[in-house]
Amino acid sequence: MAEQARLLVVDDDAEVRRLLGDYLGGQGYQVEGCADSTALRQSLAAQLPDLVLLDVGLPGEDGLSLARFLRERHDLPVIMISGAGTPLDRIVGLEVGADDYLAKPFELRELLARVRSVLRRYRVVPTAPQAAESQPSGIPLGRFRLELDSRRLLDEQGADIELTAMEFDLLQAFAQRPNRPLSRDQLLNLTQNRDWSPFDRSIDIRIARLRRKLEDDPEKPRIIRTLRGVGYMLVTGRD
């Protein structure tokens, strides 16, 4: 549940860390503060958080570099916070993999709303009871099978592949329209997720993660393929 989520605030300003810790802690979250990249890595090694609030203007290794680091190694939601609020700054932040971007100064209530929204998108789909396996069904995706009724992705041995709610919604939209090109806007509409924006890279980031779970070689995808200038297409079965 959101009330039990653990948040990591990465900001070199001790007053900002205190303010966010007090406010978000008062909303039921567990909040830890980190002043720089070294403290962030130490915290990640000890325990992964549910969400990272990451300041862009950190000393030494900046927030953009750390956002790339997080995207490459962990499936964690990231909200970037920056004193620069121009459209270009926002685009750069989203391009490196942030899920959302908030410019300083900001209203604490708006930050809270964005934290809740991003956490909802990352909520892991619960595994259905094993009884659902008694009646084989679903859509083949390479070596995997997507079970729409039970909202599960299974490997060849029948083991569950963990998906967030957002990842499953994307796979379902593809699976119900196999071998058909879908644009980013179409995927936004099909998933009916109003938290997403067609101007950010949420779709691309989620598809990259799905490829790491589905593809033998994510750099040369055979299941979820990119159609330049159009969008993406799911190719079902083996080929």
Protein backbone atom coordinates (compact mmCIF):
# COMPACT_ATOMS: atom_id res chain seq x y z
CA MET A 1 0.00 0.00 0.00
CA ALA A 2 1.06 3.60 -0.61
CA GLU A 3 1.00 4.38 3.16
CA GLN A 4 3.77 1.85 3.70
CA ALA A 5 5.91 2.86 0.72
CA ARG A 6 9.53 3.76 1.34
CA LEU A 7 10.72 6.98 -0.32
CA LEU A 8 14.31 8.07 -0.87
CA VAL A 9 14.87 11.84 -1.05
CA VAL A 10 18.18 12.68 -2.74
CA ASP A 11 19.00 16.38 -2.30
CA ASP A 12 22.13 18.16 -1.12
CA ASP A 13 20.02 20.75 0.74
CA ALA A 14 19.51 19.50 4.30
CA GLU A 15 16.52 21.80 4.76
CA VAL A 16 14.78 20.30 1.71
CA ARG A 17 15.44 16.79 3.00
CA ARG A 18 14.02 17.74 6.39
CA LEU A 19 10.96 19.45 4.88
CA LEU A 20 10.10 16.55 2.59
CA GLY A 21 10.85 14.01 5.29
CA ASP A 22 8.49 15.72 7.73
CA TYR A 23 5.71 16.28 5.21
CA LEU A 24 5.78 12.91 3.45
CA GLY A 25 6.39 11.13 6.73
CA GLY A 26 3.25 12.80 8.04
CA GLN A 27 1.38 11.28 5.09
CA GLY A 28 2.32 7.77 6.19
CA TYR A 29 5.43 7.19 4.06
CA GLN A 30 8.79 5.97 5.28
CA VAL A 31 11.29 8.63 4.19
CA GLU A 32 15.08 8.48 4.06
CA GLY A 33 17.31 11.35 2.96
CA CYS A 34 20.56 11.21 0.97
CA ALA A 35 22.84 14.17 0.32
CA ASP A 36 24.76 12.85 -2.69
CA SER A 37 25.41 9.95 -5.06
CA THR A 38 27.59 8.10 -2.53
CA ALA A 39 24.82 8.09 0.08
CA LEU A 40 22.31 7.05 -2.58
CA ARG A 41 24.34 4.00 -3.60
CA GLN A 42 24.87 3.00 0.01
CA SER A 43 21.14 3.20 0.64
CA LEU A 44 20.33 1.17 -2.47
CA ALA A 45 22.78 -1.54 -1.38
CA ALA A 46 21.08 -1.79 2.01
CA GLN A 47 17.46 -1.74 0.80
CA LEU A 48 15.69 -0.69 -2.39
CA PRO A 49 13.09 2.05 -1.95
CA ASP A 50 9.66 2.15 -3.59
CA LEU A 51 10.35 5.56 -5.16
CA VAL A 52 13.25 7.99 -5.52
CA LEU A 53 12.85 11.78 -5.38
CA LEU A 54 15.99 12.95 -7.14
CA ASP A 55 17.34 16.49 -7.29
CA VAL A 56 19.01 17.40 -10.59
CA GLY A 57 21.62 19.79 -9.22
CA LEU A 58 23.60 17.51 -6.93
CA PRO A 59 27.31 18.13 -6.27
CA GLY A 60 29.65 15.74 -8.07
CA GLU A 61 27.58 13.18 -9.95
CA ASP A 62 24.42 15.06 -10.87
CA GLY A 63 20.83 13.88 -10.88
CA LEU A 64 20.68 13.20 -14.61
CA SER A 65 23.61 10.81 -14.38
CA LEU A 66 22.06 9.12 -11.35
CA ALA A 67 18.73 8.76 -13.15
CA ARG A 68 20.51 6.85 -15.93
CA PHE A 69 22.26 4.71 -13.32
CA LEU A 70 18.92 3.84 -11.68
CA ARG A 71 17.27 3.02 -15.01
CA GLU A 72 20.09 0.69 -16.03
CA ARG A 73 20.17 -1.28 -12.78
CA HIS A 74 16.83 -1.04 -11.01
CA ASP A 75 13.14 -1.02 -11.84
CA LEU A 76 12.35 1.92 -9.57
CA PRO A 77 10.11 4.95 -10.14
CA VAL A 78 12.00 8.24 -10.20
CA ILE A 79 10.63 11.76 -9.81
CA MET A 80 13.19 14.41 -10.70
CA ILE A 81 13.17 17.75 -8.87
CA SER A 82 14.98 20.76 -10.29
CA GLY A 83 15.40 24.47 -9.80
CA ALA A 84 15.31 24.79 -13.60
CA GLY A 85 11.80 24.49 -14.91
CA THR A 86 12.10 25.16 -18.63
CA PRO A 87 10.47 22.74 -21.12
CA LEU A 88 13.94 21.65 -22.28
CA ASP A 89 14.99 20.75 -18.74
CA ARG A 90 11.83 18.69 -18.32
CA ILE A 91 12.38 16.91 -21.61
CA VAL A 92 15.99 16.07 -20.73
CA GLY A 93 14.90 14.71 -17.36
CA LEU A 94 12.24 12.50 -18.92
CA GLU A 95 14.58 11.39 -21.70
CA VAL A 96 17.06 9.96 -19.21
CA GLY A 97 14.29 7.87 -17.65
CA ALA A 98 12.48 9.90 -15.00
CA ASP A 99 8.81 9.02 -14.51
CA ASP A 100 7.90 12.59 -13.61
CA TYR A 101 9.53 15.99 -13.26
CA LEU A 102 8.77 18.77 -10.80
CA ALA A 103 10.30 22.26 -10.83
CA LYS A 104 11.19 24.17 -7.68
CA PRO A 105 9.48 25.85 -5.94
CA PHE A 106 6.56 23.45 -5.79
CA GLU A 107 3.50 22.93 -3.63
CA LEU A 108 3.89 20.04 -1.24
CA ARG A 109 0.37 18.88 -2.09
CA GLU A 110 1.31 18.68 -5.76
CA LEU A 111 4.41 16.64 -4.90
CA LEU A 112 2.26 14.29 -2.81
CA ALA A 113 -0.20 13.85 -5.69
CA ARG A 114 2.63 13.01 -8.08
CA VAL A 115 4.19 10.55 -5.64
CA ARG A 116 0.86 8.76 -5.27
CA SER A 117 0.30 8.75 -9.03
CA VAL A 118 3.72 7.29 -9.86
CA LEU A 119 3.45 4.66 -7.12
CA ARG A 120 0.06 3.56 -8.50
CA ARG A 121 1.62 3.03 -11.90
CA TYR A 122 4.32 0.81 -10.40
CA ARG A 123 2.05 -1.30 -8.25
CA VAL A 124 2.96 -4.94 -8.89
CA VAL A 125 0.20 -7.13 -10.27
CA PRO A 126 -0.67 -9.76 -7.63
CA THR A 127 -0.14 -13.36 -8.59
CA ALA A 128 -3.34 -15.34 -9.15
CA PRO A 129 -3.97 -18.62 -7.28
CA GLN A 130 -2.27 -21.70 -8.70
CA ALA A 131 -5.67 -23.19 -9.56
CA ALA A 132 -5.76 -20.92 -12.58
CA GLU A 133 -3.10 -23.12 -14.19
CA SER A 134 -5.46 -26.10 -14.46
CA GLN A 135 -7.00 -24.76 -17.65
CA PRO A 136 -4.27 -23.75 -20.13
CA SER A 137 -5.06 -20.59 -22.04
CA GLY A 138 -3.46 -17.33 -22.96
CA ILE A 139 -1.43 -15.69 -25.67
CA PRO A 140 2.04 -16.94 -26.62
CA LEU A 141 4.79 -14.34 -26.50
CA GLY A 142 7.95 -16.06 -27.66
CA ARG A 143 8.95 -18.39 -24.80
CA PHE A 144 6.28 -16.87 -22.56
CA ARG A 145 2.51 -16.96 -22.23
CA LEU A 146 0.31 -14.04 -21.21
CA GLU A 147 -2.77 -15.03 -19.21
CA LEU A 148 -5.26 -12.18 -19.55
CA ASP A 149 -7.88 -13.52 -17.14
CA SER A 150 -5.47 -14.04 -14.27
CA ARG A 151 -3.21 -11.11 -15.27
CA ARG A 152 -0.07 -13.26 -15.28
CA LEU A 153 2.96 -13.68 -17.47
CA LEU A 154 4.38 -17.23 -17.34
CA ASP A 155 7.66 -18.64 -18.58
CA GLU A 156 8.16 -22.08 -20.16
CA GLN A 157 8.16 -23.76 -16.74
CA GLY A 158 4.97 -22.02 -15.67
CA ALA A 159 6.77 -19.67 -13.30
CA ASP A 160 5.45 -16.15 -12.88
CA ILE A 161 7.38 -13.23 -14.35
CA GLU A 162 6.77 -10.23 -12.13
CA LEU A 163 5.03 -7.32 -13.85
CA THR A 164 3.93 -3.95 -12.58
CA ALA A 165 0.32 -2.97 -13.26
CA MET A 166 1.54 -0.56 -15.92
CA GLU A 167 3.60 -3.24 -17.67
CA PHE A 168 0.69 -5.68 -17.69
CA ASP A 169 -1.71 -3.06 -19.10
CA LEU A 170 0.71 -2.41 -21.93
CA LEU A 171 1.15 -6.11 -22.70
CA GLN A 172 -2.61 -6.61 -22.64
CA ALA A 173 -3.15 -3.75 -25.09
CA PHE A 174 -0.59 -5.33 -27.44
CA ALA A 175 -1.83 -8.89 -26.98
CA GLN A 176 -5.40 -7.97 -27.86
CA ARG A 177 -4.16 -6.40 -31.12
CA PRO A 178 -1.35 -8.71 -32.31
CA ASN A 179 0.67 -7.95 -35.43
CA ARG A 180 -0.89 -4.50 -35.63
CA PRO A 181 1.07 -1.22 -35.42
CA LEU A 182 0.15 0.91 -32.41
CA SER A 183 1.26 4.49 -31.87
CA ARG A 184 2.17 5.90 -28.46
CA ASP A 185 -1.10 7.87 -28.37
CA GLN A 186 -3.08 4.71 -29.15
CA LEU A 187 -1.31 2.85 -26.34
CA LEU A 188 -2.09 5.68 -23.93
CA ASN A 189 -5.76 5.50 -24.88
CA LEU A 190 -5.93 1.70 -24.81
CA THR A 191 -4.45 1.48 -21.34
CA GLN A 192 -6.82 4.23 -20.18
CA ASN A 193 -4.15 5.54 -17.87
CA ARG A 194 -4.73 9.25 -17.43
CA ASP A 195 -1.56 9.56 -15.35
CA TRP A 196 0.54 9.15 -18.49
CA SER A 197 1.28 12.02 -20.84
CA PRO A 198 1.87 11.67 -24.59
CA PHE A 199 4.67 14.21 -24.23
CA ASP A 200 6.85 12.11 -21.94
CA ARG A 201 8.69 8.86 -22.50
CA SER A 202 6.71 6.62 -20.15
CA ILE A 203 5.65 4.29 -22.97
CA ASP A 204 9.21 3.90 -24.27
CA ILE A 205 10.61 3.28 -20.80
CA ARG A 206 8.02 0.59 -20.02
CA ILE A 207 8.55 -1.12 -23.37
CA ALA A 208 12.30 -1.17 -22.78
CA ARG A 209 11.67 -2.92 -19.46
CA LEU A 210 9.26 -5.40 -21.03
CA ARG A 211 11.87 -6.23 -23.64
CA ARG A 212 14.40 -7.02 -20.92
CA LYS A 213 11.92 -9.52 -19.50
CA LEU A 214 10.67 -11.02 -22.79
CA GLU A 215 13.41 -10.85 -25.37
CA ASP A 216 16.43 -13.10 -25.77
CA ASP A 217 18.27 -10.00 -27.02
CA PRO A 218 16.54 -6.74 -25.95
CA GLU A 219 18.72 -4.81 -28.41
CA LYS A 220 17.26 -6.85 -31.28
CA PRO A 221 13.64 -7.34 -30.22
CA ARG A 222 11.54 -9.98 -31.97
CA ILE A 223 8.39 -9.82 -29.83
CA ILE A 224 7.77 -6.09 -29.31
CA ARG A 225 9.13 -4.45 -32.42
CA THR A 226 9.72 -0.78 -33.16
CA LEU A 227 8.17 0.65 -36.31
CA ARG A 228 10.02 3.86 -37.04
CA GLY A 229 7.75 6.84 -37.37
CA VAL A 230 4.74 4.76 -36.34
CA GLY A 231 5.15 3.17 -32.91
CA TYR A 232 5.34 -0.45 -31.80
CA MET A 233 3.91 -3.83 -32.78
CA LEU A 234 3.57 -7.11 -30.89
CA VAL A 235 4.51 -10.19 -32.92
CA THR A 236 2.86 -13.27 -31.36
CA GLY A 237 4.04 -16.89 -31.41
CA ARG A 238 7.50 -18.06 -32.42
CA ASP A 239 9.20 -17.03 -35.63
